[in-house]
Amino acid sequence: MLRDQKRFACSIETQVGCLSGTSEARISDLGTGGCRIDSEARVRTGETVSFYIPLPSGRSISLMGTVAYVREGEGFGVTFGELPMETKMQILNLMKASEG
């Protein structure tokens, strides 16, 4: 998939909230423009989902995004709208930490 922003591979446990309820999930790649969520949650392209990313400090980032694609039984891709600068910096710091 062609993307404007770089993503990094990760394995971040989370919960995703969508129209069908809340489900356990795993973020398997992440960038400032979006992420891939591995989950069996029933979502549709265009649906808004919410989830969080736990930070090493013990805090977490709450995010919302739009489902860009769905791979039934595997997961789905999410694109973010315009993120606050603080949130972008937190995601970029996670990306840097994963590289080193």
Foldseek 3Di string as FASTA:
>chain_A
DDDPWDKDADWFWKWKQFPVGIFTWTWGIDAPFWTWIFTQDDDDAQTKMWMWGQDPVRRIHIAIFGFHDADHNTTTITTGDDDDPVVNVRRVVVVVVVVD
